[in-house]
Amino acid sequence: MGLFLWDETDCAFNHREIDIEVSHWLDPQAENYQFVVQPYDTPGNRNRFVVADPSEPVTSRFLWDPQRIEFQSVGANTLAWLRKEDVGADWSYPGNDNPPAGHENVRLNLWLIGGQQPEYLEEIEFVIESFSFRSLFEIEGDINRDGRVDLFDVAELANRWLEDCHGIMSLLCRPTTLK
């Protein structure tokens, strides 16, 4: 299972793919969790670790800024973010493949390795209890939240103003009967 960023519009910077993945990768003895900055096969772009009890809830996150990407995973108690010793996995990626922001979006997938059906046909279930996204870089004036202030923001502002004025004007300009 993978939770990742993906930019469909631009293949530069490896589609801006940044991953949190859960898998044994066909080896039941291998680590079952990984953080990845694509391309995964570049040395230093992947951090693998073991989540001891995969039936227990795990909370994972990454903080992405232009200098580095900070990944973390903790058990069910999300207050553990406050105590460094409670963090199960912690990885800071300052590497060369940290992409700039673009038109990325969040994706979640459950896929087959090499398109092959699993040897055992057991049901696989992942329960996503919550998901949130918060931009660390709120740009004043970026009304449409595309990461820049431009004429599209002015147009959005004008549209909102017209919608608001239309509502006000409809109250002020209510038809009346002339005598």
C-alpha atoms as a PDB file:
ATOM      1  CA  MET A   1       0.000   0.000   0.000  1.00  0.00           C
ATOM      2  CA  GLY A   2       1.331   3.404  -0.829  1.00  0.00           C
ATOM      3  CA  LEU A   3       0.458   6.946   0.163  1.00  0.00           C
ATOM      4  CA  PHE A   4       2.323   9.369  -2.039  1.00  0.00           C
ATOM      5  CA  LEU A   5       2.535  12.656  -3.890  1.00  0.00           C
ATOM      6  CA  TRP A   6       2.337  12.564  -7.698  1.00  0.00           C
ATOM      7  CA  ASP A   7       2.460  15.235 -10.382  1.00  0.00           C
ATOM      8  CA  GLU A   8       0.600  13.953 -13.441  1.00  0.00           C
ATOM      9  CA  THR A   9       1.359  17.114 -15.429  1.00  0.00           C
ATOM     10  CA  ASP A  10       5.156  17.044 -15.220  1.00  0.00           C
ATOM     11  CA  CYS A  11       7.501  14.064 -15.444  1.00  0.00           C
ATOM     12  CA  ALA A  12      10.445  16.241 -14.410  1.00  0.00           C
ATOM     13  CA  PHE A  13      11.661  15.612 -10.879  1.00  0.00           C
ATOM     14  CA  ASN A  14      10.298  12.021 -11.071  1.00  0.00           C
ATOM     15  CA  HIS A  15       6.707  13.317 -11.065  1.00  0.00           C
ATOM     16  CA  ARG A  16       7.504  14.863  -7.642  1.00  0.00           C
ATOM     17  CA  GLU A  17       6.864  11.440  -6.113  1.00  0.00           C
ATOM     18  CA  ILE A  18       7.414  11.157  -2.363  1.00  0.00           C
ATOM     19  CA  ASP A  19       6.188   7.886  -0.776  1.00  0.00           C
ATOM     20  CA  ILE A  20       5.182   6.226   2.460  1.00  0.00           C
ATOM     21  CA  GLU A  21       4.836   2.520   1.607  1.00  0.00           C
ATOM     22  CA  VAL A  22       3.849  -0.652   3.448  1.00  0.00           C
ATOM     23  CA  SER A  23       5.098  -3.915   1.910  1.00  0.00           C
ATOM     24  CA  HIS A  24       7.470  -6.854   2.375  1.00  0.00           C
ATOM     25  CA  TRP A  25       8.407  -6.620  -1.324  1.00  0.00           C
ATOM     26  CA  LEU A  26       8.058 -10.411  -1.895  1.00  0.00           C
ATOM     27  CA  ASP A  27      10.337 -11.203   1.049  1.00  0.00           C
ATOM     28  CA  PRO A  28       8.455 -12.075   4.279  1.00  0.00           C
ATOM     29  CA  GLN A  29      11.681 -11.516   6.253  1.00  0.00           C
ATOM     30  CA  ALA A  30      12.232  -8.001   4.871  1.00  0.00           C
ATOM     31  CA  GLU A  31      11.347  -4.710   6.505  1.00  0.00           C
ATOM     32  CA  ASN A  32       7.652  -3.932   6.051  1.00  0.00           C
ATOM     33  CA  TYR A  33       7.634  -0.134   5.850  1.00  0.00           C
ATOM     34  CA  GLN A  34       9.582   2.443   3.882  1.00  0.00           C
ATOM     35  CA  PHE A  35       9.944   6.125   3.154  1.00  0.00           C
ATOM     36  CA  VAL A  36      11.035   6.944  -0.408  1.00  0.00           C
ATOM     37  CA  VAL A  37      12.024   9.932  -2.490  1.00  0.00           C
ATOM     38  CA  GLN A  38      12.023   8.894  -6.142  1.00  0.00           C
ATOM     39  CA  PRO A  39      13.958   7.477  -7.851  1.00  0.00           C
ATOM     40  CA  TYR A  40      13.981   4.724  -5.220  1.00  0.00           C
ATOM     41  CA  ASP A  41      17.076   3.016  -6.634  1.00  0.00           C
ATOM     42  CA  THR A  42      19.340   6.031  -6.080  1.00  0.00           C
ATOM     43  CA  PRO A  43      21.487   5.318  -3.003  1.00  0.00           C
ATOM     44  CA  GLY A  44      20.173   7.275  -0.014  1.00  0.00           C
ATOM     45  CA  ASN A  45      16.667   7.835  -1.441  1.00  0.00           C
ATOM     46  CA  ARG A  46      14.966   5.100   0.587  1.00  0.00           C
ATOM     47  CA  ASN A  47      14.736   4.298   4.289  1.00  0.00           C
ATOM     48  CA  ARG A  48      13.309   0.860   5.212  1.00  0.00           C
ATOM     49  CA  PHE A  49      12.316  -0.246   8.710  1.00  0.00           C
ATOM     50  CA  VAL A  50      10.115  -2.703  10.597  1.00  0.00           C
ATOM     51  CA  VAL A  51       6.742  -1.922  12.118  1.00  0.00           C
ATOM     52  CA  ALA A  52       6.636  -4.654  14.769  1.00  0.00           C
ATOM     53  CA  ASP A  53       2.883  -5.219  14.883  1.00  0.00           C
ATOM     54  CA  PRO A  54       1.239  -4.242  11.597  1.00  0.00           C
ATOM     55  CA  SER A  55      -2.209  -4.945  13.057  1.00  0.00           C
ATOM     56  CA  GLU A  56      -1.777  -1.958  15.396  1.00  0.00           C
ATOM     57  CA  PRO A  57      -2.463   1.565  14.094  1.00  0.00           C
ATOM     58  CA  VAL A  58       0.494   3.511  12.763  1.00  0.00           C
ATOM     59  CA  THR A  59       0.546   7.230  12.074  1.00  0.00           C
ATOM     60  CA  SER A  60       3.022   8.451   9.474  1.00  0.00           C
ATOM     61  CA  ARG A  61       3.783  11.865   8.083  1.00  0.00           C
ATOM     62  CA  PHE A  62       6.282  13.821   6.127  1.00  0.00           C
ATOM     63  CA  LEU A  63       7.132  17.488   6.187  1.00  0.00           C
ATOM     64  CA  TRP A  64       8.417  18.711   2.827  1.00  0.00           C
ATOM     65  CA  ASP A  65      10.315  21.932   2.365  1.00  0.00           C
ATOM     66  CA  PRO A  66      12.889  23.070  -0.212  1.00  0.00           C
ATOM     67  CA  GLN A  67      15.886  21.989   1.910  1.00  0.00           C
ATOM     68  CA  ARG A  68      14.770  18.559   3.127  1.00  0.00           C
ATOM     69  CA  ILE A  69      11.939  16.104   3.701  1.00  0.00           C
ATOM     70  CA  GLU A  70      11.340  14.926   7.276  1.00  0.00           C
ATOM     71  CA  PHE A  71       9.574  11.551   7.589  1.00  0.00           C
ATOM     72  CA  GLN A  72       8.204  10.093  10.832  1.00  0.00           C
ATOM     73  CA  SER A  73       6.066   7.174  11.981  1.00  0.00           C
ATOM     74  CA  VAL A  74       4.668   6.486  15.431  1.00  0.00           C
ATOM     75  CA  GLY A  75       2.279   4.003  16.980  1.00  0.00           C
ATOM     76  CA  ALA A  76      -1.367   4.749  17.701  1.00  0.00           C
ATOM     77  CA  ASN A  77      -0.621   7.575  20.128  1.00  0.00           C
ATOM     78  CA  THR A  78      -0.131  10.600  17.884  1.00  0.00           C
ATOM     79  CA  LEU A  79       0.900  12.685  20.887  1.00  0.00           C
ATOM     80  CA  ALA A  80       4.187  10.795  20.548  1.00  0.00           C
ATOM     81  CA  TRP A  81       5.228  13.438  17.983  1.00  0.00           C
ATOM     82  CA  LEU A  82       5.987  15.547  21.018  1.00  0.00           C
ATOM     83  CA  ARG A  83       8.482  13.070  22.472  1.00  0.00           C
ATOM     84  CA  LYS A  84      11.446  12.147  20.273  1.00  0.00           C
ATOM     85  CA  GLU A  85      11.964   8.837  22.113  1.00  0.00           C
ATOM     86  CA  ASP A  86       8.450   7.664  21.147  1.00  0.00           C
ATOM     87  CA  VAL A  87       8.936   8.095  17.411  1.00  0.00           C
ATOM     88  CA  GLY A  88       9.273   4.642  15.825  1.00  0.00           C
ATOM     89  CA  ALA A  89      10.953   5.807  12.627  1.00  0.00           C
ATOM     90  CA  ASP A  90      12.511   9.144  11.845  1.00  0.00           C
ATOM     91  CA  TRP A  91      14.346   9.995   8.627  1.00  0.00           C
ATOM     92  CA  SER A  92      15.557  13.294   7.244  1.00  0.00           C
ATOM     93  CA  TYR A  93      16.192  13.418   3.505  1.00  0.00           C
ATOM     94  CA  PRO A  94      18.397  16.323   2.387  1.00  0.00           C
ATOM     95  CA  GLY A  95      19.299  14.656  -0.928  1.00  0.00           C
ATOM     96  CA  ASN A  96      19.548  15.946  -4.478  1.00  0.00           C
ATOM     97  CA  ASP A  97      16.189  14.492  -5.571  1.00  0.00           C
ATOM     98  CA  ASN A  98      14.051  16.674  -3.275  1.00  0.00           C
ATOM     99  CA  PRO A  99      11.668  18.132  -5.874  1.00  0.00           C
ATOM    100  CA  PRO A 100      10.414  21.707  -6.012  1.00  0.00           C
ATOM    101  CA  ALA A 101       6.682  22.247  -5.555  1.00  0.00           C
ATOM    102  CA  GLY A 102       4.545  21.881  -8.666  1.00  0.00           C
ATOM    103  CA  HIS A 103       1.093  20.474  -9.403  1.00  0.00           C
ATOM    104  CA  GLU A 104       1.404  17.392  -7.198  1.00  0.00           C
ATOM    105  CA  ASN A 105      -1.571  15.757  -5.557  1.00  0.00           C
ATOM    106  CA  VAL A 106      -2.011  13.059  -2.946  1.00  0.00           C
ATOM    107  CA  ARG A 107      -2.664   9.485  -4.033  1.00  0.00           C
ATOM    108  CA  LEU A 108      -3.288   6.223  -2.267  1.00  0.00           C
ATOM    109  CA  ASN A 109      -2.937   2.859  -3.945  1.00  0.00           C
ATOM    110  CA  LEU A 110      -2.861  -0.854  -3.320  1.00  0.00           C
ATOM    111  CA  TRP A 111      -0.923  -2.554  -6.098  1.00  0.00           C
ATOM    112  CA  LEU A 112       0.539  -5.851  -7.228  1.00  0.00           C
ATOM    113  CA  ILE A 113       4.294  -6.258  -7.527  1.00  0.00           C
ATOM    114  CA  GLY A 114       5.046  -6.849 -11.189  1.00  0.00           C
ATOM    115  CA  GLY A 115       1.305  -7.204 -11.835  1.00  0.00           C
ATOM    116  CA  GLN A 116       1.396 -10.691 -10.299  1.00  0.00           C
ATOM    117  CA  GLN A 117      -1.437 -12.081  -8.191  1.00  0.00           C
ATOM    118  CA  PRO A 118      -0.341 -12.874  -4.604  1.00  0.00           C
ATOM    119  CA  GLU A 119       0.494 -16.519  -3.896  1.00  0.00           C
ATOM    120  CA  TYR A 120      -1.953 -16.553  -1.005  1.00  0.00           C
ATOM    121  CA  LEU A 121      -5.411 -15.205  -1.766  1.00  0.00           C
ATOM    122  CA  GLU A 122      -6.205 -13.611   1.555  1.00  0.00           C
ATOM    123  CA  GLU A 123      -8.161 -10.395   1.845  1.00  0.00           C
ATOM    124  CA  ILE A 124      -6.045  -7.314   2.370  1.00  0.00           C
ATOM    125  CA  GLU A 125      -7.503  -4.427   4.298  1.00  0.00           C
ATOM    126  CA  PHE A 126      -6.067  -1.059   5.230  1.00  0.00           C
ATOM    127  CA  VAL A 127      -8.195   1.270   7.308  1.00  0.00           C
ATOM    128  CA  ILE A 128      -7.412   4.950   6.893  1.00  0.00           C
ATOM    129  CA  GLU A 129      -8.765   6.577  10.033  1.00  0.00           C
ATOM    130  CA  SER A 130      -7.865  10.098   8.997  1.00  0.00           C
ATOM    131  CA  PHE A 131      -5.879  12.096   6.503  1.00  0.00           C
ATOM    132  CA  SER A 132      -4.849  15.731   6.549  1.00  0.00           C
ATOM    133  CA  PHE A 133      -2.795  18.092   4.458  1.00  0.00           C
ATOM    134  CA  ARG A 134      -1.463  21.427   5.592  1.00  0.00           C
ATOM    135  CA  SER A 135       0.701  23.730   3.525  1.00  0.00           C
ATOM    136  CA  LEU A 136       3.700  25.043   5.396  1.00  0.00           C
ATOM    137  CA  PHE A 137       3.892  27.926   2.961  1.00  0.00           C
ATOM    138  CA  GLU A 138       0.682  29.932   2.917  1.00  0.00           C
ATOM    139  CA  ILE A 139       1.281  32.713   0.396  1.00  0.00           C
ATOM    140  CA  GLU A 140      -0.591  35.940   1.059  1.00  0.00           C
ATOM    141  CA  GLY A 141      -2.775  36.730  -1.942  1.00  0.00           C
ATOM    142  CA  ASP A 142      -2.707  33.160  -3.329  1.00  0.00           C
ATOM    143  CA  ILE A 143      -6.490  32.898  -3.379  1.00  0.00           C
ATOM    144  CA  ASN A 144      -6.729  29.800  -5.605  1.00  0.00           C
ATOM    145  CA  ARG A 145      -3.878  28.085  -3.694  1.00  0.00           C
ATOM    146  CA  ASP A 146      -1.731  27.202  -6.683  1.00  0.00           C
ATOM    147  CA  GLY A 147       1.491  28.363  -5.008  1.00  0.00           C
ATOM    148  CA  ARG A 148       1.764  31.771  -6.692  1.00  0.00           C
ATOM    149  CA  VAL A 149       0.042  35.139  -6.836  1.00  0.00           C
ATOM    150  CA  ASP A 150      -1.019  36.011 -10.383  1.00  0.00           C
ATOM    151  CA  LEU A 151      -3.935  37.175 -12.550  1.00  0.00           C
ATOM    152  CA  PHE A 152      -5.840  33.975 -11.775  1.00  0.00           C
ATOM    153  CA  ASP A 153      -5.987  35.109  -8.141  1.00  0.00           C
ATOM    154  CA  VAL A 154      -7.241  38.546  -9.227  1.00  0.00           C
ATOM    155  CA  ALA A 155      -9.936  36.843 -11.333  1.00  0.00           C
ATOM    156  CA  GLU A 156     -10.952  34.643  -8.399  1.00  0.00           C
ATOM    157  CA  LEU A 157     -11.110  37.674  -6.127  1.00  0.00           C
ATOM    158  CA  ALA A 158     -13.267  39.536  -8.688  1.00  0.00           C
ATOM    159  CA  ASN A 159     -15.614  36.538  -9.030  1.00  0.00           C
ATOM    160  CA  ARG A 160     -16.032  36.304  -5.269  1.00  0.00           C
ATOM    161  CA  TRP A 161     -16.665  40.043  -5.039  1.00  0.00           C
ATOM    162  CA  LEU A 162     -19.282  39.872  -7.797  1.00  0.00           C
ATOM    163  CA  GLU A 163     -21.000  36.938  -6.112  1.00  0.00           C
ATOM    164  CA  ASP A 164     -21.085  38.825  -2.817  1.00  0.00           C
ATOM    165  CA  CYS A 165     -22.297  42.030  -4.479  1.00  0.00           C
ATOM    166  CA  HIS A 166     -24.974  40.176  -6.386  1.00  0.00           C
ATOM    167  CA  GLY A 167     -26.307  38.876  -3.099  1.00  0.00           C
ATOM    168  CA  ILE A 168     -26.238  42.331  -1.553  1.00  0.00           C
ATOM    169  CA  MET A 169     -27.686  43.978  -4.635  1.00  0.00           C
ATOM    170  CA  SER A 170     -30.543  41.497  -4.810  1.00  0.00           C
ATOM    171  CA  LEU A 171     -31.506  42.554  -1.288  1.00  0.00           C
ATOM    172  CA  LEU A 172     -31.149  46.258  -2.010  1.00  0.00           C
ATOM    173  CA  CYS A 173     -32.738  46.180  -5.460  1.00  0.00           C
ATOM    174  CA  ARG A 174     -35.787  44.118  -4.683  1.00  0.00           C
ATOM    175  CA  PRO A 175     -38.574  44.918  -7.210  1.00  0.00           C
ATOM    176  CA  THR A 176     -41.284  47.140  -5.808  1.00  0.00           C
ATOM    177  CA  THR A 177     -44.723  48.055  -7.089  1.00  0.00           C
ATOM    178  CA  LEU A 178     -44.891  51.531  -8.601  1.00  0.00           C
ATOM    179  CA  LYS A 179     -47.961  53.640  -7.743  1.00  0.00           C
END
